[in-house]
Amino acid sequence: MPRLKRISVSSKRQISIPKEYYDYLNLKDEVTLELHKNYLVLRPMRESFEDFSEEILADLIAEGYSGEELMTEFRQRKGQIGNAVESLISETLTKGKKTTVDDLFGEV
């Protein structure tokens, strides 16, 4: 499958996703579209987003947090996930690497 394909943009700002890309990515009714510098990044919508809550809690408990201190630190760390993900994506795009979310967060 070709990695680069030229497509048209309609007068209504619409595009069509080539069938082979649509099938390869297993797209459904919705996708996400993100703007990173001068790139548009189109991604399949995933119904269940892994929010890492269990992993964060396990780490905090192992670090000795409990009670209200545990809740405060949990909220703080969970709030940092979005920024961390954005940084990883931007860094990957800036370096011109081709990767997927599974590459970034998949099982090791």
PDB file of N, CA and C in Angstrom:
ATOM      1  N   MET A   1       0.852  -1.174   0.000  1.00  0.00           N
ATOM      2  CA  MET A   1       0.000   0.000   0.000  1.00  0.00           C
ATOM      3  C   MET A   1       0.899   1.239   0.000  1.00  0.00           C
ATOM      4  N   PRO A   2       0.578   2.215  -0.848  1.00  0.00           N
ATOM      5  CA  PRO A   2       1.402   3.430  -0.885  1.00  0.00           C
ATOM      6  C   PRO A   2       1.243   4.247   0.389  1.00  0.00           C
ATOM      7  N   ARG A   3       2.330   4.838   0.874  1.00  0.00           N
ATOM      8  CA  ARG A   3       2.302   5.664   2.083  1.00  0.00           C
ATOM      9  C   ARG A   3       1.831   7.085   1.778  1.00  0.00           C
ATOM     10  N   LEU A   4       2.002   7.513   0.548  1.00  0.00           N
ATOM     11  CA  LEU A   4       1.646   8.874   0.166  1.00  0.00           C
ATOM     12  C   LEU A   4       0.654   8.812  -0.984  1.00  0.00           C
ATOM     13  N   LYS A   5      -0.412   9.576  -0.837  1.00  0.00           N
ATOM     14  CA  LYS A   5      -1.422   9.586  -1.882  1.00  0.00           C
ATOM     15  C   LYS A   5      -1.991  10.990  -1.967  1.00  0.00           C
ATOM     16  N   ARG A   6      -2.113  11.505  -3.159  1.00  0.00           N
ATOM     17  CA  ARG A   6      -2.688  12.829  -3.375  1.00  0.00           C
ATOM     18  C   ARG A   6      -4.202  12.691  -3.498  1.00  0.00           C
ATOM     19  N   ILE A   7      -4.937  13.507  -2.701  1.00  0.00           N
ATOM     20  CA  ILE A   7      -6.397  13.480  -2.746  1.00  0.00           C
ATOM     21  C   ILE A   7      -6.914  14.898  -2.924  1.00  0.00           C
ATOM     22  N   SER A   8      -8.140  15.011  -3.363  1.00  0.00           N
ATOM     23  CA  SER A   8      -8.755  16.315  -3.607  1.00  0.00           C
ATOM     24  C   SER A   8      -9.514  16.796  -2.381  1.00  0.00           C
ATOM     25  N   VAL A   9      -9.610  18.117  -2.277  1.00  0.00           N
ATOM     26  CA  VAL A   9     -10.434  18.749  -1.251  1.00  0.00           C
ATOM     27  C   VAL A   9     -11.571  19.438  -1.993  1.00  0.00           C
ATOM     28  N   SER A  10     -12.818  19.119  -1.610  1.00  0.00           N
ATOM     29  CA  SER A  10     -13.970  19.687  -2.313  1.00  0.00           C
ATOM     30  C   SER A  10     -14.153  21.158  -1.952  1.00  0.00           C
ATOM     31  N   SER A  11     -15.046  21.813  -2.662  1.00  0.00           N
ATOM     32  CA  SER A  11     -15.346  23.221  -2.381  1.00  0.00           C
ATOM     33  C   SER A  11     -15.974  23.388  -0.995  1.00  0.00           C
ATOM     34  N   LYS A  12     -16.482  22.290  -0.431  1.00  0.00           N
ATOM     35  CA  LYS A  12     -17.049  22.312   0.926  1.00  0.00           C
ATOM     36  C   LYS A  12     -16.024  21.857   1.966  1.00  0.00           C
ATOM     37  N   ARG A  13     -14.739  21.822   1.591  1.00  0.00           N
ATOM     38  CA  ARG A  13     -13.619  21.441   2.454  1.00  0.00           C
ATOM     39  C   ARG A  13     -13.665  19.969   2.860  1.00  0.00           C
ATOM     40  N   GLN A  14     -14.249  19.123   2.048  1.00  0.00           N
ATOM     41  CA  GLN A  14     -14.362  17.702   2.358  1.00  0.00           C
ATOM     42  C   GLN A  14     -13.318  16.911   1.587  1.00  0.00           C
ATOM     43  N   ILE A  15     -12.905  15.800   2.201  1.00  0.00           N
ATOM     44  CA  ILE A  15     -11.984  14.882   1.534  1.00  0.00           C
ATOM     45  C   ILE A  15     -12.577  13.481   1.597  1.00  0.00           C
ATOM     46  N   SER A  16     -12.109  12.619   0.712  1.00  0.00           N
ATOM     47  CA  SER A  16     -12.484  11.206   0.754  1.00  0.00           C
ATOM     48  C   SER A  16     -11.250  10.411   1.119  1.00  0.00           C
ATOM     49  N   ILE A  17     -11.427   9.480   2.050  1.00  0.00           N
ATOM     50  CA  ILE A  17     -10.326   8.625   2.460  1.00  0.00           C
ATOM     51  C   ILE A  17     -10.264   7.448   1.492  1.00  0.00           C
ATOM     52  N   PRO A  18      -9.119   7.222   0.861  1.00  0.00           N
ATOM     53  CA  PRO A  18      -9.011   6.090  -0.058  1.00  0.00           C
ATOM     54  C   PRO A  18      -9.366   4.775   0.641  1.00  0.00           C
ATOM     55  N   LYS A  19     -10.058   3.908  -0.079  1.00  0.00           N
ATOM     56  CA  LYS A  19     -10.563   2.655   0.489  1.00  0.00           C
ATOM     57  C   LYS A  19      -9.466   1.827   1.142  1.00  0.00           C
ATOM     58  N   GLU A  20      -8.308   1.722   0.499  1.00  0.00           N
ATOM     59  CA  GLU A  20      -7.255   0.884   1.083  1.00  0.00           C
ATOM     60  C   GLU A  20      -6.770   1.432   2.428  1.00  0.00           C
ATOM     61  N   TYR A  21      -6.769   2.751   2.602  1.00  0.00           N
ATOM     62  CA  TYR A  21      -6.405   3.360   3.893  1.00  0.00           C
ATOM     63  C   TYR A  21      -7.520   3.112   4.909  1.00  0.00           C
ATOM     64  N   TYR A  22      -8.749   3.319   4.481  1.00  0.00           N
ATOM     65  CA  TYR A  22      -9.916   3.115   5.334  1.00  0.00           C
ATOM     66  C   TYR A  22      -9.934   1.686   5.875  1.00  0.00           C
ATOM     67  N   ASP A  23      -9.734   0.735   4.984  1.00  0.00           N
ATOM     68  CA  ASP A  23      -9.735  -0.672   5.383  1.00  0.00           C
ATOM     69  C   ASP A  23      -8.534  -1.006   6.266  1.00  0.00           C
ATOM     70  N   TYR A  24      -7.370  -0.521   5.896  1.00  0.00           N
ATOM     71  CA  TYR A  24      -6.141  -0.810   6.644  1.00  0.00           C
ATOM     72  C   TYR A  24      -6.242  -0.324   8.093  1.00  0.00           C
ATOM     73  N   LEU A  25      -6.820   0.867   8.284  1.00  0.00           N
ATOM     74  CA  LEU A  25      -6.948   1.448   9.622  1.00  0.00           C
ATOM     75  C   LEU A  25      -8.200   0.984  10.359  1.00  0.00           C
ATOM     76  N   ASN A  26      -9.018   0.187   9.689  1.00  0.00           N
ATOM     77  CA  ASN A  26     -10.264  -0.318  10.275  1.00  0.00           C
ATOM     78  C   ASN A  26     -11.121   0.842  10.791  1.00  0.00           C
ATOM     79  N   LEU A  27     -11.309   1.851   9.945  1.00  0.00           N
ATOM     80  CA  LEU A  27     -12.083   3.023  10.327  1.00  0.00           C
ATOM     81  C   LEU A  27     -13.561   2.695  10.402  1.00  0.00           C
ATOM     82  N   LYS A  28     -14.258   3.453  11.230  1.00  0.00           N
ATOM     83  CA  LYS A  28     -15.707   3.287  11.377  1.00  0.00           C
ATOM     84  C   LYS A  28     -16.368   4.617  11.030  1.00  0.00           C
ATOM     85  N   ASP A  29     -17.387   5.011  11.794  1.00  0.00           N
ATOM     86  CA  ASP A  29     -18.152   6.229  11.507  1.00  0.00           C
ATOM     87  C   ASP A  29     -17.441   7.519  11.885  1.00  0.00           C
ATOM     88  N   GLU A  30     -16.490   7.463  12.818  1.00  0.00           N
ATOM     89  CA  GLU A  30     -15.823   8.679  13.267  1.00  0.00           C
ATOM     90  C   GLU A  30     -14.318   8.475  13.335  1.00  0.00           C
ATOM     91  N   VAL A  31     -13.603   9.585  13.162  1.00  0.00           N
ATOM     92  CA  VAL A  31     -12.162   9.635  13.350  1.00  0.00           C
ATOM     93  C   VAL A  31     -11.851  10.885  14.165  1.00  0.00           C
ATOM     94  N   THR A  32     -10.644  10.969  14.676  1.00  0.00           N
ATOM     95  CA  THR A  32     -10.211  12.215  15.302  1.00  0.00           C
ATOM     96  C   THR A  32      -9.278  12.913  14.327  1.00  0.00           C
ATOM     97  N   LEU A  33      -9.313  14.224  14.343  1.00  0.00           N
ATOM     98  CA  LEU A  33      -8.451  15.035  13.499  1.00  0.00           C
ATOM     99  C   LEU A  33      -7.725  16.012  14.412  1.00  0.00           C
ATOM    100  N   GLU A  34      -6.407  15.959  14.381  1.00  0.00           N
ATOM    101  CA  GLU A  34      -5.599  16.815  15.239  1.00  0.00           C
ATOM    102  C   GLU A  34      -4.686  17.677  14.386  1.00  0.00           C
ATOM    103  N   LEU A  35      -4.410  18.859  14.864  1.00  0.00           N
ATOM    104  CA  LEU A  35      -3.485  19.769  14.198  1.00  0.00           C
ATOM    105  C   LEU A  35      -2.198  19.808  14.997  1.00  0.00           C
ATOM    106  N   HIS A  36      -1.101  19.437  14.362  1.00  0.00           N
ATOM    107  CA  HIS A  36       0.230  19.481  14.962  1.00  0.00           C
ATOM    108  C   HIS A  36       1.121  20.292  14.033  1.00  0.00           C
ATOM    109  N   LYS A  37       1.423  21.517  14.475  1.00  0.00           N
ATOM    110  CA  LYS A  37       2.190  22.456  13.657  1.00  0.00           C
ATOM    111  C   LYS A  37       1.489  22.583  12.311  1.00  0.00           C
ATOM    112  N   ASN A  38       2.103  22.160  11.222  1.00  0.00           N
ATOM    113  CA  ASN A  38       1.438  22.285   9.919  1.00  0.00           C
ATOM    114  C   ASN A  38       1.015  20.917   9.365  1.00  0.00           C
ATOM    115  N   TYR A  39       0.758  19.970  10.267  1.00  0.00           N
ATOM    116  CA  TYR A  39       0.298  18.644   9.872  1.00  0.00           C
ATOM    117  C   TYR A  39      -1.116  18.408  10.403  1.00  0.00           C
ATOM    118  N   LEU A  40      -1.932  17.745   9.612  1.00  0.00           N
ATOM    119  CA  LEU A  40      -3.214  17.233  10.079  1.00  0.00           C
ATOM    120  C   LEU A  40      -3.025  15.744  10.328  1.00  0.00           C
ATOM    121  N   VAL A  41      -3.426  15.283  11.486  1.00  0.00           N
ATOM    122  CA  VAL A  41      -3.278  13.879  11.837  1.00  0.00           C
ATOM    123  C   VAL A  41      -4.672  13.294  12.025  1.00  0.00           C
ATOM    124  N   LEU A  42      -4.991  12.344  11.206  1.00  0.00           N
ATOM    125  CA  LEU A  42      -6.289  11.669  11.225  1.00  0.00           C
ATOM    126  C   LEU A  42      -6.088  10.313  11.890  1.00  0.00           C
ATOM    127  N   ARG A  43      -6.918  10.003  12.900  1.00  0.00           N
ATOM    128  CA  ARG A  43      -6.758   8.745  13.630  1.00  0.00           C
ATOM    129  C   ARG A  43      -8.090   8.050  13.786  1.00  0.00           C
ATOM    130  N   PRO A  44      -8.058   6.718  13.826  1.00  0.00           N
ATOM    131  CA  PRO A  44      -9.285   5.979  14.104  1.00  0.00           C
ATOM    132  C   PRO A  44      -9.788   6.312  15.506  1.00  0.00           C
ATOM    133  N   MET A  45     -11.101   6.418  15.662  1.00  0.00           N
ATOM    134  CA  MET A  45     -11.697   6.601  16.992  1.00  0.00           C
ATOM    135  C   MET A  45     -11.644   5.265  17.694  1.00  0.00           C
ATOM    136  N   ARG A  46     -11.215   5.286  18.898  1.00  0.00           N
ATOM    137  CA  ARG A  46     -11.216   4.075  19.714  1.00  0.00           C
ATOM    138  C   ARG A  46     -12.247   4.264  20.809  1.00  0.00           C
ATOM    139  N   GLU A  47     -13.152   3.322  20.897  1.00  0.00           N
ATOM    140  CA  GLU A  47     -14.236   3.418  21.873  1.00  0.00           C
ATOM    141  C   GLU A  47     -13.719   3.401  23.302  1.00  0.00           C
ATOM    142  N   SER A  48     -12.764   2.550  23.577  1.00  0.00           N
ATOM    143  CA  SER A  48     -12.252   2.475  24.939  1.00  0.00           C
ATOM    144  C   SER A  48     -10.844   3.050  24.968  1.00  0.00           C
ATOM    145  N   PHE A  49     -10.703   4.172  25.629  1.00  0.00           N
ATOM    146  CA  PHE A  49      -9.403   4.811  25.756  1.00  0.00           C
ATOM    147  C   PHE A  49      -8.791   4.396  27.075  1.00  0.00           C
ATOM    148  N   GLU A  50      -7.594   3.893  27.015  1.00  0.00           N
ATOM    149  CA  GLU A  50      -6.876   3.493  28.215  1.00  0.00           C
ATOM    150  C   GLU A  50      -6.413   4.747  28.937  1.00  0.00           C
ATOM    151  N   ASP A  51      -6.919   4.968  30.136  1.00  0.00           N
ATOM    152  CA  ASP A  51      -6.561   6.195  30.843  1.00  0.00           C
ATOM    153  C   ASP A  51      -5.455   5.987  31.870  1.00  0.00           C
ATOM    154  N   PHE A  52      -4.943   4.786  32.008  1.00  0.00           N
ATOM    155  CA  PHE A  52      -3.810   4.475  32.875  1.00  0.00           C
ATOM    156  C   PHE A  52      -4.106   4.653  34.360  1.00  0.00           C
ATOM    157  N   SER A  53      -5.379   4.757  34.747  1.00  0.00           N
ATOM    158  CA  SER A  53      -5.734   4.973  36.157  1.00  0.00           C
ATOM    159  C   SER A  53      -5.209   3.864  37.061  1.00  0.00           C
ATOM    160  N   GLU A  54      -5.393   2.620  36.657  1.00  0.00           N
ATOM    161  CA  GLU A  54      -4.949   1.516  37.503  1.00  0.00           C
ATOM    162  C   GLU A  54      -3.437   1.528  37.686  1.00  0.00           C
ATOM    163  N   GLU A  55      -2.713   1.816  36.601  1.00  0.00           N
ATOM    164  CA  GLU A  55      -1.258   1.862  36.678  1.00  0.00           C
ATOM    165  C   GLU A  55      -0.788   3.002  37.577  1.00  0.00           C
ATOM    166  N   ILE A  56      -1.446   4.153  37.453  1.00  0.00           N
ATOM    167  CA  ILE A  56      -1.092   5.307  38.284  1.00  0.00           C
ATOM    168  C   ILE A  56      -1.331   4.973  39.754  1.00  0.00           C
ATOM    169  N   LEU A  57      -2.508   4.406  40.070  1.00  0.00           N
ATOM    170  CA  LEU A  57      -2.813   4.056  41.462  1.00  0.00           C
ATOM    171  C   LEU A  57      -1.826   3.027  42.018  1.00  0.00           C
ATOM    172  N   ALA A  58      -1.485   2.027  41.234  1.00  0.00           N
ATOM    173  CA  ALA A  58      -0.534   1.010  41.692  1.00  0.00           C
ATOM    174  C   ALA A  58       0.819   1.643  42.015  1.00  0.00           C
ATOM    175  N   ASP A  59       1.275   2.541  41.146  1.00  0.00           N
ATOM    176  CA  ASP A  59       2.550   3.230  41.391  1.00  0.00           C
ATOM    177  C   ASP A  59       2.482   4.066  42.661  1.00  0.00           C
ATOM    178  N   LEU A  60       1.396   4.806  42.837  1.00  0.00           N
ATOM    179  CA  LEU A  60       1.259   5.679  44.006  1.00  0.00           C
ATOM    180  C   LEU A  60       1.218   4.871  45.305  1.00  0.00           C
ATOM    181  N   ILE A  61       0.500   3.763  45.287  1.00  0.00           N
ATOM    182  CA  ILE A  61       0.441   2.907  46.477  1.00  0.00           C
ATOM    183  C   ILE A  61       1.824   2.339  46.776  1.00  0.00           C
ATOM    184  N   ALA A  62       2.530   1.902  45.729  1.00  0.00           N
ATOM    185  CA  ALA A  62       3.888   1.384  45.910  1.00  0.00           C
ATOM    186  C   ALA A  62       4.832   2.466  46.445  1.00  0.00           C
ATOM    187  N   GLU A  63       4.544   3.726  46.119  1.00  0.00           N
ATOM    188  CA  GLU A  63       5.364   4.837  46.604  1.00  0.00           C
ATOM    189  C   GLU A  63       4.974   5.256  48.022  1.00  0.00           C
ATOM    190  N   GLY A  64       3.943   4.626  48.582  1.00  0.00           N
ATOM    191  CA  GLY A  64       3.575   4.880  49.969  1.00  0.00           C
ATOM    192  C   GLY A  64       2.455   5.884  50.186  1.00  0.00           C
ATOM    193  N   TYR A  65       1.794   6.331  49.131  1.00  0.00           N
ATOM    194  CA  TYR A  65       0.680   7.272  49.290  1.00  0.00           C
ATOM    195  C   TYR A  65      -0.555   6.549  49.807  1.00  0.00           C
ATOM    196  N   SER A  66      -1.347   7.261  50.622  1.00  0.00           N
ATOM    197  CA  SER A  66      -2.619   6.715  51.088  1.00  0.00           C
ATOM    198  C   SER A  66      -3.544   7.869  51.454  1.00  0.00           C
ATOM    199  N   GLY A  67      -4.815   7.532  51.661  1.00  0.00           N
ATOM    200  CA  GLY A  67      -5.796   8.522  52.088  1.00  0.00           C
ATOM    201  C   GLY A  67      -5.922   9.702  51.143  1.00  0.00           C
ATOM    202  N   GLU A  68      -6.121  10.878  51.731  1.00  0.00           N
ATOM    203  CA  GLU A  68      -6.316  12.110  50.948  1.00  0.00           C
ATOM    204  C   GLU A  68      -5.081  12.457  50.118  1.00  0.00           C
ATOM    205  N   GLU A  69      -3.911  12.154  50.652  1.00  0.00           N
ATOM    206  CA  GLU A  69      -2.667  12.405  49.918  1.00  0.00           C
ATOM    207  C   GLU A  69      -2.636  11.581  48.626  1.00  0.00           C
ATOM    208  N   LEU A  70      -3.128  10.343  48.708  1.00  0.00           N
ATOM    209  CA  LEU A  70      -3.220   9.478  47.530  1.00  0.00           C
ATOM    210  C   LEU A  70      -4.136  10.097  46.482  1.00  0.00           C
ATOM    211  N   MET A  71      -5.310  10.553  46.897  1.00  0.00           N
ATOM    212  CA  MET A  71      -6.262  11.155  45.959  1.00  0.00           C
ATOM    213  C   MET A  71      -5.685  12.415  45.318  1.00  0.00           C
ATOM    214  N   THR A  72      -5.044  13.256  46.099  1.00  0.00           N
ATOM    215  CA  THR A  72      -4.466  14.498  45.574  1.00  0.00           C
ATOM    216  C   THR A  72      -3.392  14.200  44.531  1.00  0.00           C
ATOM    217  N   GLU A  73      -2.490  13.298  44.849  1.00  0.00           N
ATOM    218  CA  GLU A  73      -1.409  12.957  43.922  1.00  0.00           C
ATOM    219  C   GLU A  73      -1.954  12.248  42.688  1.00  0.00           C
ATOM    220  N   PHE A  74      -2.978  11.394  42.864  1.00  0.00           N
ATOM    221  CA  PHE A  74      -3.605  10.705  41.731  1.00  0.00           C
ATOM    222  C   PHE A  74      -4.194  11.711  40.744  1.00  0.00           C
ATOM    223  N   ARG A  75      -4.949  12.678  41.257  1.00  0.00           N
ATOM    224  CA  ARG A  75      -5.545  13.701  40.381  1.00  0.00           C
ATOM    225  C   ARG A  75      -4.471  14.479  39.630  1.00  0.00           C
ATOM    226  N   GLN A  76      -3.402  14.805  40.320  1.00  0.00           N
ATOM    227  CA  GLN A  76      -2.322  15.561  39.683  1.00  0.00           C
ATOM    228  C   GLN A  76      -1.672  14.755  38.564  1.00  0.00           C
ATOM    229  N   ARG A  77      -1.326  13.522  38.834  1.00  0.00           N
ATOM    230  CA  ARG A  77      -0.658  12.699  37.811  1.00  0.00           C
ATOM    231  C   ARG A  77      -1.584  12.367  36.648  1.00  0.00           C
ATOM    232  N   LYS A  78      -2.842  12.084  36.957  1.00  0.00           N
ATOM    233  CA  LYS A  78      -3.784  11.776  35.880  1.00  0.00           C
ATOM    234  C   LYS A  78      -3.974  12.989  34.977  1.00  0.00           C
ATOM    235  N   GLY A  79      -3.962  14.178  35.565  1.00  0.00           N
ATOM    236  CA  GLY A  79      -4.078  15.408  34.789  1.00  0.00           C
ATOM    237  C   GLY A  79      -2.906  15.654  33.859  1.00  0.00           C
ATOM    238  N   GLN A  80      -1.785  15.022  34.129  1.00  0.00           N
ATOM    239  CA  GLN A  80      -0.587  15.212  33.305  1.00  0.00           C
ATOM    240  C   GLN A  80      -0.535  14.283  32.095  1.00  0.00           C
ATOM    241  N   ILE A  81      -1.416  13.298  32.034  1.00  0.00           N
ATOM    242  CA  ILE A  81      -1.377  12.321  30.942  1.00  0.00           C
ATOM    243  C   ILE A  81      -1.567  12.985  29.588  1.00  0.00           C
ATOM    244  N   GLY A  82      -2.563  13.861  29.460  1.00  0.00           N
ATOM    245  CA  GLY A  82      -2.820  14.516  28.177  1.00  0.00           C
ATOM    246  C   GLY A  82      -1.616  15.270  27.662  1.00  0.00           C
ATOM    247  N   ASN A  83      -0.952  16.020  28.535  1.00  0.00           N
ATOM    248  CA  ASN A  83       0.250  16.763  28.140  1.00  0.00           C
ATOM    249  C   ASN A  83       1.373  15.830  27.724  1.00  0.00           C
ATOM    250  N   ALA A  84       1.532  14.727  28.451  1.00  0.00           N
ATOM    251  CA  ALA A  84       2.585  13.774  28.119  1.00  0.00           C
ATOM    252  C   ALA A  84       2.335  13.138  26.758  1.00  0.00           C
ATOM    253  N   VAL A  85       1.083  12.769  26.490  1.00  0.00           N
ATOM    254  CA  VAL A  85       0.739  12.172  25.200  1.00  0.00           C
ATOM    255  C   VAL A  85       0.978  13.176  24.076  1.00  0.00           C
ATOM    256  N   GLU A  86       0.543  14.413  24.255  1.00  0.00           N
ATOM    257  CA  GLU A  86       0.757  15.452  23.248  1.00  0.00           C
ATOM    258  C   GLU A  86       2.241  15.648  22.973  1.00  0.00           C
ATOM    259  N   SER A  87       3.062  15.646  24.022  1.00  0.00           N
ATOM    260  CA  SER A  87       4.510  15.806  23.852  1.00  0.00           C
ATOM    261  C   SER A  87       5.103  14.661  23.051  1.00  0.00           C
ATOM    262  N   LEU A  88       4.692  13.427  23.368  1.00  0.00           N
ATOM    263  CA  LEU A  88       5.193  12.273  22.620  1.00  0.00           C
ATOM    264  C   LEU A  88       4.807  12.343  21.150  1.00  0.00           C
ATOM    265  N   ILE A  89       3.568  12.710  20.883  1.00  0.00           N
ATOM    266  CA  ILE A  89       3.093  12.794  19.503  1.00  0.00           C
ATOM    267  C   ILE A  89       3.838  13.896  18.760  1.00  0.00           C
ATOM    268  N   SER A  90       3.952  15.073  19.361  1.00  0.00           N
ATOM    269  CA  SER A  90       4.649  16.186  18.716  1.00  0.00           C
ATOM    270  C   SER A  90       6.104  15.848  18.452  1.00  0.00           C
ATOM    271  N   GLU A  91       6.749  15.223  19.431  1.00  0.00           N
ATOM    272  CA  GLU A  91       8.150  14.839  19.275  1.00  0.00           C
ATOM    273  C   GLU A  91       8.312  13.849  18.127  1.00  0.00           C
ATOM    274  N   THR A  92       7.405  12.889  18.051  1.00  0.00           N
ATOM    275  CA  THR A  92       7.448  11.885  16.993  1.00  0.00           C
ATOM    276  C   THR A  92       7.244  12.534  15.631  1.00  0.00           C
ATOM    277  N   LEU A  93       6.263  13.435  15.519  1.00  0.00           N
ATOM    278  CA  LEU A  93       6.001  14.113  14.250  1.00  0.00           C
ATOM    279  C   LEU A  93       7.158  15.032  13.858  1.00  0.00           C
ATOM    280  N   THR A  94       7.738  15.727  14.827  1.00  0.00           N
ATOM    281  CA  THR A  94       8.847  16.640  14.559  1.00  0.00           C
ATOM    282  C   THR A  94      10.050  15.885  14.016  1.00  0.00           C
ATOM    283  N   LYS A  95      10.297  14.700  14.549  1.00  0.00           N
ATOM    284  CA  LYS A  95      11.433  13.904  14.105  1.00  0.00           C
ATOM    285  C   LYS A  95      11.137  13.152  12.809  1.00  0.00           C
ATOM    286  N   GLY A  96       9.896  13.264  12.341  1.00  0.00           N
ATOM    287  CA  GLY A  96       9.525  12.611  11.089  1.00  0.00           C
ATOM    288  C   GLY A  96       9.381  11.112  11.199  1.00  0.00           C
ATOM    289  N   LYS A  97       9.280  10.599  12.413  1.00  0.00           N
ATOM    290  CA  LYS A  97       9.117   9.160  12.589  1.00  0.00           C
ATOM    291  C   LYS A  97       7.698   8.761  12.280  1.00  0.00           C
ATOM    292  N   LYS A  98       7.539   7.582  11.742  1.00  0.00           N
ATOM    293  CA  LYS A  98       6.219   7.026  11.494  1.00  0.00           C
ATOM    294  C   LYS A  98       5.951   6.035  12.612  1.00  0.00           C
ATOM    295  N   THR A  99       4.922   6.305  13.414  1.00  0.00           N
ATOM    296  CA  THR A  99       4.604   5.439  14.546  1.00  0.00           C
ATOM    297  C   THR A  99       3.108   5.476  14.811  1.00  0.00           C
ATOM    298  N   THR A 100       2.663   4.626  15.677  1.00  0.00           N
ATOM    299  CA  THR A 100       1.249   4.564  16.055  1.00  0.00           C
ATOM    300  C   THR A 100       1.138   4.726  17.562  1.00  0.00           C
ATOM    301  N   VAL A 101      -0.075   4.945  18.026  1.00  0.00           N
ATOM    302  CA  VAL A 101      -0.311   5.027  19.461  1.00  0.00           C
ATOM    303  C   VAL A 101       0.083   3.699  20.113  1.00  0.00           C
ATOM    304  N   ASP A 102      -0.175   2.587  19.434  1.00  0.00           N
ATOM    305  CA  ASP A 102       0.212   1.284  19.977  1.00  0.00           C
ATOM    306  C   ASP A 102       1.721   1.183  20.125  1.00  0.00           C
ATOM    307  N   ASP A 103       2.476   1.774  19.171  1.00  0.00           N
ATOM    308  CA  ASP A 103       3.933   1.791  19.295  1.00  0.00           C
ATOM    309  C   ASP A 103       4.354   2.554  20.548  1.00  0.00           C
ATOM    310  N   LEU A 104       3.662   3.665  20.836  1.00  0.00           N
ATOM    311  CA  LEU A 104       4.012   4.488  21.988  1.00  0.00           C
ATOM    312  C   LEU A 104       3.588   3.851  23.308  1.00  0.00           C
ATOM    313  N   PHE A 105       2.422   3.210  23.355  1.00  0.00           N
ATOM    314  CA  PHE A 105       1.856   2.755  24.613  1.00  0.00           C
ATOM    315  C   PHE A 105       1.585   1.261  24.668  1.00  0.00           C
ATOM    316  N   GLY A 106       1.963   0.531  23.643  1.00  0.00           N
ATOM    317  CA  GLY A 106       1.672  -0.906  23.615  1.00  0.00           C
ATOM    318  C   GLY A 106       2.434  -1.662  24.678  1.00  0.00           C
ATOM    319  N   GLU A 107       2.094  -2.917  24.802  1.00  0.00           N
ATOM    320  CA  GLU A 107       2.755  -3.777  25.784  1.00  0.00           C
ATOM    321  C   GLU A 107       4.233  -3.914  25.433  1.00  0.00           C
ATOM    322  N   VAL A 108       5.050  -3.902  26.462  1.00  0.00           N
ATOM    323  CA  VAL A 108       6.501  -4.033  26.283  1.00  0.00           C
ATOM    324  C   VAL A 108       6.905  -5.466  26.515  1.00  0.00           C
TER     325      VAL A 108
END
